[in-house]
Amino acid sequence: MNKTMRATVRPRRSVLYMPGSNARALDKARSLPADGLILDLEDAVAPDKKATGREQIAATLKQSGYGGRELIVRINGLDTPWGADDLAMVARSAANAILIPKVESAKMVQEAEELLAAASASTSLSIWCMMETPLGILHAEEIAASSGRVECLVMGTSDLANDLHAAHTRERTPMMTSLGLCLLVARAFGLAILDGVHLDLADDDGFAHSCAQGKELGFDGKTLIHPKTIAKANEVFAPPPEEVAWSRKIIAAHAEALRAGKGAILVDGKLIENLHVESANRQVALADAIKALEAVAPSSPR
């Protein structure tokens, strides 16, 4: 397992799907304040546009202007006529990750990994896995353990709700078992995990609720289908300034206590133990990473 890759802290509050066949959208993405962009060759591209979309994404990845934001390419499945060519293109590109749709087994990940190795892909190119079928959810643990390249699980809640014959309700009760299982696996294996998309773009309140629910459950961020939702996702999934300030305070107090040979300490009347310091370190690391990203990423025009 590549522990270094999995230990990387980077913001993934907002990760926006961009259609690979739309050159104008790909260009506009340079000015969007999303933490990551999924350049999509699967659902967003019609069969007769797959080759064009692949060429456009390849050209896009050769260009600069995306700042420090993460660039991920969602390929077509390797069991389709386009998947192997998609993967080969990504292997030669400057993308950060390849996103495999409908992952259902360790074998599917390992097949992709072997093809990446055969194409001399950089060892820093990670694999993200779409978790969007009942079989994939049941095999989440073996998928997470399948390769050191696996870095992130991405919930595909629309396909999942369809396969479960479930309603896509505001509280998402029918999907909580699946969401919870994938969250457990992600944390057990040190992976990032992103919540699924919110489909109703007219429902701003519902989107805000979905973000808040995802944050409470433990997701690192949310996948998005429209730029108008980026700001709210960034706001909700960022650590609040007051929490960051408190985290820095207890980190400093704990360090001082260790130098004095003390264990648990009181800070402002609250008992602070190692688990609190671990959480504080995560908050501070994320806040610092967000600040660093925003310093180099292009901002949207006002």
C-alpha atoms as a PDB file:
ATOM      1  CA  MET A   1       0.000   0.000   0.000  1.00  0.00           C
ATOM      2  CA  ASN A   2       1.287   3.437  -0.914  1.00  0.00           C
ATOM      3  CA  LYS A   3       0.993   5.117   2.465  1.00  0.00           C
ATOM      4  CA  THR A   4       2.488   8.379   1.195  1.00  0.00           C
ATOM      5  CA  MET A   5      -0.158   8.816  -1.488  1.00  0.00           C
ATOM      6  CA  ARG A   6      -2.982   8.103   0.915  1.00  0.00           C
ATOM      7  CA  ALA A   7      -1.627  10.456   3.571  1.00  0.00           C
ATOM      8  CA  THR A   8      -1.734  13.495   1.264  1.00  0.00           C
ATOM      9  CA  VAL A   9      -4.023  16.252   2.562  1.00  0.00           C
ATOM     10  CA  ARG A  10      -5.664  18.312  -0.122  1.00  0.00           C
ATOM     11  CA  PRO A  11      -9.017  20.083  -0.290  1.00  0.00           C
ATOM     12  CA  ARG A  12     -11.835  18.200  -1.979  1.00  0.00           C
ATOM     13  CA  ARG A  13     -14.742  20.296  -0.747  1.00  0.00           C
ATOM     14  CA  SER A  14     -16.141  20.754  -4.253  1.00  0.00           C
ATOM     15  CA  VAL A  15     -15.388  18.446  -7.174  1.00  0.00           C
ATOM     16  CA  LEU A  16     -17.224  19.432 -10.345  1.00  0.00           C
ATOM     17  CA  TYR A  17     -18.104  17.143 -13.258  1.00  0.00           C
ATOM     18  CA  MET A  18     -17.266  18.755 -16.611  1.00  0.00           C
ATOM     19  CA  PRO A  19     -18.397  17.206 -19.942  1.00  0.00           C
ATOM     20  CA  GLY A  20     -15.346  16.152 -21.932  1.00  0.00           C
ATOM     21  CA  SER A  21     -17.006  16.862 -25.271  1.00  0.00           C
ATOM     22  CA  ASN A  22     -17.674  20.532 -24.438  1.00  0.00           C
ATOM     23  CA  ALA A  23     -14.496  22.486 -25.205  1.00  0.00           C
ATOM     24  CA  ARG A  24     -16.043  25.754 -24.032  1.00  0.00           C
ATOM     25  CA  ALA A  25     -16.942  24.269 -20.640  1.00  0.00           C
ATOM     26  CA  LEU A  26     -13.454  22.821 -20.229  1.00  0.00           C
ATOM     27  CA  ASP A  27     -11.959  26.243 -20.903  1.00  0.00           C
ATOM     28  CA  LYS A  28     -14.385  27.994 -18.550  1.00  0.00           C
ATOM     29  CA  ALA A  29     -13.431  25.547 -15.801  1.00  0.00           C
ATOM     30  CA  ARG A  30     -10.110  27.376 -15.406  1.00  0.00           C
ATOM     31  CA  SER A  31     -11.923  30.252 -13.712  1.00  0.00           C
ATOM     32  CA  LEU A  32     -14.152  28.159 -11.436  1.00  0.00           C
ATOM     33  CA  PRO A  33     -13.231  27.967  -7.723  1.00  0.00           C
ATOM     34  CA  ALA A  34     -13.863  24.234  -7.392  1.00  0.00           C
ATOM     35  CA  ASP A  35     -11.195  22.261  -5.533  1.00  0.00           C
ATOM     36  CA  GLY A  36     -11.250  19.577  -8.212  1.00  0.00           C
ATOM     37  CA  LEU A  37     -12.570  18.959 -11.712  1.00  0.00           C
ATOM     38  CA  ILE A  38     -13.757  15.617 -13.055  1.00  0.00           C
ATOM     39  CA  LEU A  39     -13.302  15.772 -16.825  1.00  0.00           C
ATOM     40  CA  ASP A  40     -15.984  13.303 -17.818  1.00  0.00           C
ATOM     41  CA  LEU A  41     -15.852  10.868 -20.729  1.00  0.00           C
ATOM     42  CA  GLU A  42     -18.594   8.595 -19.452  1.00  0.00           C
ATOM     43  CA  ASP A  43     -22.162   9.727 -18.700  1.00  0.00           C
ATOM     44  CA  ALA A  44     -21.708  13.293 -19.968  1.00  0.00           C
ATOM     45  CA  VAL A  45     -20.545  12.265 -23.446  1.00  0.00           C
ATOM     46  CA  ALA A  46     -22.701  10.657 -26.157  1.00  0.00           C
ATOM     47  CA  PRO A  47     -21.322   7.538 -27.865  1.00  0.00           C
ATOM     48  CA  ASP A  48     -20.638   9.364 -31.146  1.00  0.00           C
ATOM     49  CA  LYS A  49     -18.668  12.049 -29.259  1.00  0.00           C
ATOM     50  CA  LYS A  50     -16.428   9.758 -27.182  1.00  0.00           C
ATOM     51  CA  ALA A  51     -13.345  10.060 -29.416  1.00  0.00           C
ATOM     52  CA  THR A  52     -13.767  13.835 -29.737  1.00  0.00           C
ATOM     53  CA  GLY A  53     -14.166  14.168 -25.991  1.00  0.00           C
ATOM     54  CA  ARG A  54     -11.002  12.139 -25.390  1.00  0.00           C
ATOM     55  CA  GLU A  55      -9.037  14.364 -27.789  1.00  0.00           C
ATOM     56  CA  GLN A  56     -10.354  17.532 -26.152  1.00  0.00           C
ATOM     57  CA  ILE A  57      -9.521  16.361 -22.658  1.00  0.00           C
ATOM     58  CA  ALA A  58      -6.045  15.325 -23.792  1.00  0.00           C
ATOM     59  CA  ALA A  59      -5.504  18.815 -25.229  1.00  0.00           C
ATOM     60  CA  THR A  60      -6.892  20.418 -22.066  1.00  0.00           C
ATOM     61  CA  LEU A  61      -4.514  18.470 -19.835  1.00  0.00           C
ATOM     62  CA  LYS A  62      -1.547  19.726 -21.851  1.00  0.00           C
ATOM     63  CA  GLN A  63      -2.474  23.318 -21.089  1.00  0.00           C
ATOM     64  CA  SER A  64      -1.913  25.307 -17.919  1.00  0.00           C
ATOM     65  CA  GLY A  65      -4.198  27.678 -16.080  1.00  0.00           C
ATOM     66  CA  TYR A  66      -5.863  25.370 -13.577  1.00  0.00           C
ATOM     67  CA  GLY A  67      -3.768  26.478 -10.616  1.00  0.00           C
ATOM     68  CA  GLY A  68      -3.338  23.822  -7.961  1.00  0.00           C
ATOM     69  CA  ARG A  69      -6.763  22.279  -8.373  1.00  0.00           C
ATOM     70  CA  GLU A  70      -7.029  18.536  -8.795  1.00  0.00           C
ATOM     71  CA  LEU A  71      -7.768  17.191 -12.287  1.00  0.00           C
ATOM     72  CA  ILE A  72      -9.485  13.822 -12.567  1.00  0.00           C
ATOM     73  CA  VAL A  73     -10.639  12.053 -15.726  1.00  0.00           C
ATOM     74  CA  ARG A  74     -13.626   9.747 -15.544  1.00  0.00           C
ATOM     75  CA  ILE A  75     -13.080   7.102 -18.183  1.00  0.00           C
ATOM     76  CA  ASN A  76     -15.582   4.778 -19.751  1.00  0.00           C
ATOM     77  CA  GLY A  77     -15.656   1.286 -18.299  1.00  0.00           C
ATOM     78  CA  LEU A  78     -12.926  -1.043 -19.502  1.00  0.00           C
ATOM     79  CA  ASP A  79     -15.653  -3.372 -20.784  1.00  0.00           C
ATOM     80  CA  THR A  80     -16.780  -0.708 -23.287  1.00  0.00           C
ATOM     81  CA  PRO A  81     -15.270   0.065 -26.720  1.00  0.00           C
ATOM     82  CA  TRP A  82     -13.744   3.300 -25.353  1.00  0.00           C
ATOM     83  CA  GLY A  83     -12.387   2.485 -21.909  1.00  0.00           C
ATOM     84  CA  ALA A  84      -8.927   1.181 -22.817  1.00  0.00           C
ATOM     85  CA  ASP A  85      -8.210   4.170 -25.093  1.00  0.00           C
ATOM     86  CA  ASP A  86      -9.455   6.548 -22.401  1.00  0.00           C
ATOM     87  CA  LEU A  87      -7.133   4.978 -19.854  1.00  0.00           C
ATOM     88  CA  ALA A  88      -4.146   5.081 -22.198  1.00  0.00           C
ATOM     89  CA  MET A  89      -4.733   8.792 -22.800  1.00  0.00           C
ATOM     90  CA  VAL A  90      -4.900   9.555 -19.089  1.00  0.00           C
ATOM     91  CA  ALA A  91      -1.763   7.501 -18.439  1.00  0.00           C
ATOM     92  CA  ARG A  92       0.195   9.827 -20.739  1.00  0.00           C
ATOM     93  CA  SER A  93      -1.344  13.016 -19.365  1.00  0.00           C
ATOM     94  CA  ALA A  94      -0.753  15.361 -16.444  1.00  0.00           C
ATOM     95  CA  ALA A  95      -3.998  14.348 -14.725  1.00  0.00           C
ATOM     96  CA  ASN A  96      -3.897  13.692 -11.005  1.00  0.00           C
ATOM     97  CA  ALA A  97      -6.282  10.762 -11.060  1.00  0.00           C
ATOM     98  CA  ILE A  98      -8.345   8.420 -13.159  1.00  0.00           C
ATOM     99  CA  LEU A  99     -11.937   7.770 -12.076  1.00  0.00           C
ATOM    100  CA  ILE A 100     -13.299   4.315 -12.891  1.00  0.00           C
ATOM    101  CA  PRO A 101     -17.098   4.020 -13.135  1.00  0.00           C
ATOM    102  CA  LYS A 102     -19.160   1.278 -11.524  1.00  0.00           C
ATOM    103  CA  VAL A 103     -16.322  -0.439  -9.696  1.00  0.00           C
ATOM    104  CA  GLU A 104     -17.538  -3.756  -8.323  1.00  0.00           C
ATOM    105  CA  SER A 105     -14.420  -5.769  -7.481  1.00  0.00           C
ATOM    106  CA  ALA A 106     -10.716  -5.637  -6.733  1.00  0.00           C
ATOM    107  CA  LYS A 107     -10.146  -7.293 -10.127  1.00  0.00           C
ATOM    108  CA  MET A 108     -11.576  -4.273 -11.952  1.00  0.00           C
ATOM    109  CA  VAL A 109      -9.145  -1.952 -10.173  1.00  0.00           C
ATOM    110  CA  GLN A 110      -6.196  -4.263 -10.704  1.00  0.00           C
ATOM    111  CA  GLU A 111      -6.953  -4.519 -14.424  1.00  0.00           C
ATOM    112  CA  ALA A 112      -6.814  -0.733 -14.658  1.00  0.00           C
ATOM    113  CA  GLU A 113      -3.627  -0.651 -12.602  1.00  0.00           C
ATOM    114  CA  GLU A 114      -1.950  -3.169 -14.919  1.00  0.00           C
ATOM    115  CA  LEU A 115      -2.896  -1.116 -17.976  1.00  0.00           C
ATOM    116  CA  LEU A 116      -1.558   2.047 -16.347  1.00  0.00           C
ATOM    117  CA  ALA A 117       1.731   0.307 -15.594  1.00  0.00           C
ATOM    118  CA  ALA A 118       1.945  -1.006 -19.174  1.00  0.00           C
ATOM    119  CA  ALA A 119       1.450   2.557 -20.422  1.00  0.00           C
ATOM    120  CA  SER A 120       4.255   3.793 -18.100  1.00  0.00           C
ATOM    121  CA  ALA A 121       1.879   5.988 -16.118  1.00  0.00           C
ATOM    122  CA  SER A 122       3.424   8.071 -13.366  1.00  0.00           C
ATOM    123  CA  THR A 123       3.356   6.432  -9.952  1.00  0.00           C
ATOM    124  CA  SER A 124       1.661   9.596  -8.681  1.00  0.00           C
ATOM    125  CA  LEU A 125      -1.404   9.003 -10.880  1.00  0.00           C
ATOM    126  CA  SER A 126      -4.041   7.744  -8.471  1.00  0.00           C
ATOM    127  CA  ILE A 127      -7.177   5.687  -9.006  1.00  0.00           C
ATOM    128  CA  TRP A 128     -10.577   6.907  -7.853  1.00  0.00           C
ATOM    129  CA  CYS A 129     -13.482   4.464  -7.719  1.00  0.00           C
ATOM    130  CA  MET A 130     -17.156   5.173  -8.374  1.00  0.00           C
ATOM    131  CA  MET A 131     -19.257   3.362  -5.772  1.00  0.00           C
ATOM    132  CA  GLU A 132     -22.643   3.233  -7.449  1.00  0.00           C
ATOM    133  CA  THR A 133     -23.947  -0.334  -7.586  1.00  0.00           C
ATOM    134  CA  PRO A 134     -25.141  -2.743  -4.885  1.00  0.00           C
ATOM    135  CA  LEU A 135     -22.332  -5.192  -5.719  1.00  0.00           C
ATOM    136  CA  GLY A 136     -19.754  -2.411  -5.522  1.00  0.00           C
ATOM    137  CA  ILE A 137     -21.010  -1.387  -2.079  1.00  0.00           C
ATOM    138  CA  LEU A 138     -20.851  -4.986  -0.846  1.00  0.00           C
ATOM    139  CA  HIS A 139     -17.255  -5.239  -2.115  1.00  0.00           C
ATOM    140  CA  ALA A 140     -16.109  -1.824  -0.875  1.00  0.00           C
ATOM    141  CA  GLU A 141     -13.474  -3.266   1.458  1.00  0.00           C
ATOM    142  CA  GLU A 142     -11.771  -5.378  -1.207  1.00  0.00           C
ATOM    143  CA  ILE A 143     -11.895  -2.437  -3.633  1.00  0.00           C
ATOM    144  CA  ALA A 144     -10.170  -0.157  -1.119  1.00  0.00           C
ATOM    145  CA  ALA A 145      -7.481  -2.777  -0.490  1.00  0.00           C
ATOM    146  CA  SER A 146      -6.967  -3.654  -4.154  1.00  0.00           C
ATOM    147  CA  SER A 147      -4.142  -1.249  -5.007  1.00  0.00           C
ATOM    148  CA  GLY A 148      -1.868   1.369  -3.513  1.00  0.00           C
ATOM    149  CA  ARG A 149      -3.041   3.713  -6.270  1.00  0.00           C
ATOM    150  CA  VAL A 150      -6.583   3.803  -4.856  1.00  0.00           C
ATOM    151  CA  GLU A 151      -6.976   7.182  -3.191  1.00  0.00           C
ATOM    152  CA  CYS A 152     -10.648   8.159  -3.231  1.00  0.00           C
ATOM    153  CA  LEU A 153     -14.136   6.642  -3.257  1.00  0.00           C
ATOM    154  CA  VAL A 154     -16.812   8.630  -5.088  1.00  0.00           C
ATOM    155  CA  MET A 155     -20.442   7.929  -4.303  1.00  0.00           C
ATOM    156  CA  GLY A 156     -22.682   7.590  -7.340  1.00  0.00           C
ATOM    157  CA  THR A 157     -25.961   8.059  -5.525  1.00  0.00           C
ATOM    158  CA  SER A 158     -28.132   8.522  -8.613  1.00  0.00           C
ATOM    159  CA  ASP A 159     -27.253   5.135 -10.111  1.00  0.00           C
ATOM    160  CA  LEU A 160     -27.309   3.581  -6.666  1.00  0.00           C
ATOM    161  CA  ALA A 161     -30.833   4.802  -5.918  1.00  0.00           C
ATOM    162  CA  ASN A 162     -31.981   3.430  -9.274  1.00  0.00           C
ATOM    163  CA  ASP A 163     -30.398   0.028  -8.662  1.00  0.00           C
ATOM    164  CA  LEU A 164     -31.842  -0.141  -5.160  1.00  0.00           C
ATOM    165  CA  HIS A 165     -35.317   0.718  -6.510  1.00  0.00           C
ATOM    166  CA  ALA A 166     -35.218   3.410  -3.834  1.00  0.00           C
ATOM    167  CA  ALA A 167     -36.577   6.922  -3.621  1.00  0.00           C
ATOM    168  CA  HIS A 168     -34.019   9.731  -3.716  1.00  0.00           C
ATOM    169  CA  THR A 169     -35.468  11.569  -0.717  1.00  0.00           C
ATOM    170  CA  ARG A 170     -34.238  14.715   1.051  1.00  0.00           C
ATOM    171  CA  GLU A 171     -32.894  12.717   4.006  1.00  0.00           C
ATOM    172  CA  ARG A 172     -31.546   9.937   1.737  1.00  0.00           C
ATOM    173  CA  THR A 173     -32.656   7.333   4.259  1.00  0.00           C
ATOM    174  CA  PRO A 174     -32.754   4.509   1.660  1.00  0.00           C
ATOM    175  CA  MET A 175     -29.041   5.047   0.928  1.00  0.00           C
ATOM    176  CA  MET A 176     -27.699   5.450   4.453  1.00  0.00           C
ATOM    177  CA  THR A 177     -26.517   1.851   4.700  1.00  0.00           C
ATOM    178  CA  SER A 178     -24.495   2.231   1.496  1.00  0.00           C
ATOM    179  CA  LEU A 179     -23.114   5.634   2.454  1.00  0.00           C
ATOM    180  CA  GLY A 180     -22.162   4.387   5.906  1.00  0.00           C
ATOM    181  CA  LEU A 181     -20.416   1.257   4.634  1.00  0.00           C
ATOM    182  CA  CYS A 182     -18.315   3.255   2.187  1.00  0.00           C
ATOM    183  CA  LEU A 183     -17.433   5.829   4.848  1.00  0.00           C
ATOM    184  CA  LEU A 184     -16.293   3.043   7.186  1.00  0.00           C
ATOM    185  CA  VAL A 185     -14.125   1.546   4.460  1.00  0.00           C
ATOM    186  CA  ALA A 186     -12.636   4.887   3.433  1.00  0.00           C
ATOM    187  CA  ARG A 187     -11.579   5.712   6.981  1.00  0.00           C
ATOM    188  CA  ALA A 188     -10.313   2.185   7.667  1.00  0.00           C
ATOM    189  CA  PHE A 189      -8.020   2.402   4.630  1.00  0.00           C
ATOM    190  CA  GLY A 190      -7.066   6.067   4.851  1.00  0.00           C
ATOM    191  CA  LEU A 191      -8.922   7.077   1.681  1.00  0.00           C
ATOM    192  CA  ALA A 192     -10.736  10.250   0.751  1.00  0.00           C
ATOM    193  CA  ILE A 193     -14.467   9.916   0.087  1.00  0.00           C
ATOM    194  CA  LEU A 194     -16.821  12.242  -1.784  1.00  0.00           C
ATOM    195  CA  ASP A 195     -20.582  12.476  -1.496  1.00  0.00           C
ATOM    196  CA  GLY A 196     -22.856  12.062  -4.523  1.00  0.00           C
ATOM    197  CA  VAL A 197     -24.422  14.800  -6.619  1.00  0.00           C
ATOM    198  CA  HIS A 198     -27.623  16.723  -5.899  1.00  0.00           C
ATOM    199  CA  LEU A 199     -29.686  16.644  -9.087  1.00  0.00           C
ATOM    200  CA  ASP A 200     -32.296  19.367  -8.510  1.00  0.00           C
ATOM    201  CA  LEU A 201     -30.504  22.602  -9.394  1.00  0.00           C
ATOM    202  CA  ALA A 202     -33.596  24.651  -8.546  1.00  0.00           C
ATOM    203  CA  ASP A 203     -33.584  23.329  -4.971  1.00  0.00           C
ATOM    204  CA  ASP A 204     -30.948  25.509  -3.274  1.00  0.00           C
ATOM    205  CA  ASP A 205     -32.227  24.686   0.203  1.00  0.00           C
ATOM    206  CA  GLY A 206     -32.136  20.967  -0.521  1.00  0.00           C
ATOM    207  CA  PHE A 207     -28.586  21.241  -1.838  1.00  0.00           C
ATOM    208  CA  ALA A 208     -27.452  23.108   1.276  1.00  0.00           C
ATOM    209  CA  HIS A 209     -29.113  20.423   3.414  1.00  0.00           C
ATOM    210  CA  SER A 210     -27.390  17.679   1.432  1.00  0.00           C
ATOM    211  CA  CYS A 211     -24.001  19.339   1.950  1.00  0.00           C
ATOM    212  CA  ALA A 212     -24.595  19.749   5.683  1.00  0.00           C
ATOM    213  CA  GLN A 213     -25.725  16.137   5.975  1.00  0.00           C
ATOM    214  CA  GLY A 214     -22.688  14.916   4.048  1.00  0.00           C
ATOM    215  CA  LYS A 215     -20.354  16.935   6.271  1.00  0.00           C
ATOM    216  CA  GLU A 216     -22.009  15.520   9.397  1.00  0.00           C
ATOM    217  CA  LEU A 217     -21.662  11.973   8.071  1.00  0.00           C
ATOM    218  CA  GLY A 218     -17.943  12.487   7.502  1.00  0.00           C
ATOM    219  CA  PHE A 219     -17.527  13.055   3.762  1.00  0.00           C
ATOM    220  CA  ASP A 220     -14.544  15.133   2.621  1.00  0.00           C
ATOM    221  CA  GLY A 221     -16.586  17.010   0.045  1.00  0.00           C
ATOM    222  CA  LYS A 222     -19.292  16.770  -2.590  1.00  0.00           C
ATOM    223  CA  THR A 223     -19.385  16.024  -6.280  1.00  0.00           C
ATOM    224  CA  LEU A 224     -21.238  18.695  -8.261  1.00  0.00           C
ATOM    225  CA  ILE A 225     -22.948  19.082 -11.628  1.00  0.00           C
ATOM    226  CA  HIS A 226     -23.169  22.886 -11.898  1.00  0.00           C
ATOM    227  CA  PRO A 227     -20.819  25.790 -11.068  1.00  0.00           C
ATOM    228  CA  LYS A 228     -23.581  27.588  -9.119  1.00  0.00           C
ATOM    229  CA  THR A 229     -23.211  25.018  -6.320  1.00  0.00           C
ATOM    230  CA  ILE A 230     -19.445  25.413  -5.808  1.00  0.00           C
ATOM    231  CA  ALA A 231     -19.571  28.260  -3.288  1.00  0.00           C
ATOM    232  CA  LYS A 232     -21.975  26.497  -0.914  1.00  0.00           C
ATOM    233  CA  ALA A 233     -20.006  23.244  -1.004  1.00  0.00           C
ATOM    234  CA  ASN A 234     -16.768  25.131  -0.325  1.00  0.00           C
ATOM    235  CA  GLU A 235     -18.399  26.923   2.596  1.00  0.00           C
ATOM    236  CA  VAL A 236     -19.920  23.837   4.216  1.00  0.00           C
ATOM    237  CA  PHE A 237     -16.974  21.470   3.866  1.00  0.00           C
ATOM    238  CA  ALA A 238     -14.333  23.968   4.985  1.00  0.00           C
ATOM    239  CA  PRO A 239     -13.413  23.913   8.687  1.00  0.00           C
ATOM    240  CA  PRO A 240     -14.982  26.992  10.339  1.00  0.00           C
ATOM    241  CA  PRO A 241     -12.437  29.690  11.322  1.00  0.00           C
ATOM    242  CA  GLU A 242     -13.357  29.422  15.007  1.00  0.00           C
ATOM    243  CA  GLU A 243     -12.699  25.659  14.925  1.00  0.00           C
ATOM    244  CA  VAL A 244      -9.345  26.208  13.252  1.00  0.00           C
ATOM    245  CA  ALA A 245      -8.387  28.778  15.879  1.00  0.00           C
ATOM    246  CA  TRP A 246      -9.410  26.380  18.676  1.00  0.00           C
ATOM    247  CA  SER A 247      -7.470  23.579  16.990  1.00  0.00           C
ATOM    248  CA  ARG A 248      -4.302  25.656  16.840  1.00  0.00           C
ATOM    249  CA  LYS A 249      -4.757  26.552  20.489  1.00  0.00           C
ATOM    250  CA  ILE A 250      -5.044  22.987  21.749  1.00  0.00           C
ATOM    251  CA  ILE A 251      -2.193  21.808  19.499  1.00  0.00           C
ATOM    252  CA  ALA A 252       0.079  24.409  21.062  1.00  0.00           C
ATOM    253  CA  ALA A 253      -1.141  23.614  24.584  1.00  0.00           C
ATOM    254  CA  HIS A 254      -0.653  19.902  24.051  1.00  0.00           C
ATOM    255  CA  ALA A 255       2.864  20.402  22.740  1.00  0.00           C
ATOM    256  CA  GLU A 256       3.709  22.480  25.786  1.00  0.00           C
ATOM    257  CA  ALA A 257       2.239  19.815  28.072  1.00  0.00           C
ATOM    258  CA  LEU A 258       4.352  17.123  26.436  1.00  0.00           C
ATOM    259  CA  ARG A 259       7.472  19.191  26.959  1.00  0.00           C
ATOM    260  CA  ALA A 260       6.501  19.423  30.631  1.00  0.00           C
ATOM    261  CA  GLY A 261       5.968  15.672  30.828  1.00  0.00           C
ATOM    262  CA  LYS A 262       2.182  15.881  31.163  1.00  0.00           C
ATOM    263  CA  GLY A 263      -0.488  13.781  29.470  1.00  0.00           C
ATOM    264  CA  ALA A 264      -4.085  14.969  29.390  1.00  0.00           C
ATOM    265  CA  ILE A 265      -4.551  18.700  29.963  1.00  0.00           C
ATOM    266  CA  LEU A 266      -7.296  21.263  30.462  1.00  0.00           C
ATOM    267  CA  VAL A 267      -7.728  24.069  27.935  1.00  0.00           C
ATOM    268  CA  ASP A 268     -10.386  26.635  28.805  1.00  0.00           C
ATOM    269  CA  GLY A 269     -11.870  24.081  31.199  1.00  0.00           C
ATOM    270  CA  LYS A 270     -12.069  21.314  28.577  1.00  0.00           C
ATOM    271  CA  LEU A 271     -10.187  18.041  28.887  1.00  0.00           C
ATOM    272  CA  ILE A 272      -7.845  17.581  25.917  1.00  0.00           C
ATOM    273  CA  GLU A 273      -6.515  14.133  25.037  1.00  0.00           C
ATOM    274  CA  ASN A 274      -4.609  12.710  22.091  1.00  0.00           C
ATOM    275  CA  LEU A 275      -7.747  12.054  20.054  1.00  0.00           C
ATOM    276  CA  HIS A 276      -8.671  15.733  20.259  1.00  0.00           C
ATOM    277  CA  VAL A 277      -5.198  16.714  19.101  1.00  0.00           C
ATOM    278  CA  GLU A 278      -5.397  14.289  16.156  1.00  0.00           C
ATOM    279  CA  SER A 279      -8.678  15.884  15.087  1.00  0.00           C
ATOM    280  CA  ALA A 280      -7.198  19.350  15.558  1.00  0.00           C
ATOM    281  CA  ASN A 281      -4.216  18.472  13.384  1.00  0.00           C
ATOM    282  CA  ARG A 282      -6.583  17.339  10.605  1.00  0.00           C
ATOM    283  CA  GLN A 283      -8.525  20.585  10.822  1.00  0.00           C
ATOM    284  CA  VAL A 284      -5.418  22.736  10.676  1.00  0.00           C
ATOM    285  CA  ALA A 285      -3.873  20.726   7.845  1.00  0.00           C
ATOM    286  CA  LEU A 286      -7.057  21.084   5.792  1.00  0.00           C
ATOM    287  CA  ALA A 287      -7.359  24.803   6.526  1.00  0.00           C
ATOM    288  CA  ASP A 288      -3.745  25.368   5.507  1.00  0.00           C
ATOM    289  CA  ALA A 289      -4.225  23.320   2.328  1.00  0.00           C
ATOM    290  CA  ILE A 290      -7.325  25.343   1.400  1.00  0.00           C
ATOM    291  CA  LYS A 291      -5.430  28.578   1.932  1.00  0.00           C
ATOM    292  CA  ALA A 292      -2.548  27.355  -0.221  1.00  0.00           C
ATOM    293  CA  LEU A 293      -4.910  26.248  -3.002  1.00  0.00           C
ATOM    294  CA  GLU A 294      -6.817  29.525  -3.018  1.00  0.00           C
ATOM    295  CA  ALA A 295      -3.527  31.402  -3.261  1.00  0.00           C
ATOM    296  CA  VAL A 296      -2.662  29.778  -6.590  1.00  0.00           C
ATOM    297  CA  ALA A 297      -6.016  28.752  -8.113  1.00  0.00           C
ATOM    298  CA  PRO A 298      -7.658  31.171 -10.556  1.00  0.00           C
ATOM    299  CA  SER A 299     -10.695  32.914  -9.127  1.00  0.00           C
ATOM    300  CA  SER A 300     -14.001  33.241 -10.910  1.00  0.00           C
ATOM    301  CA  PRO A 301     -14.685  36.604 -12.554  1.00  0.00           C
ATOM    302  CA  ARG A 302     -16.866  38.958 -10.549  1.00  0.00           C
END
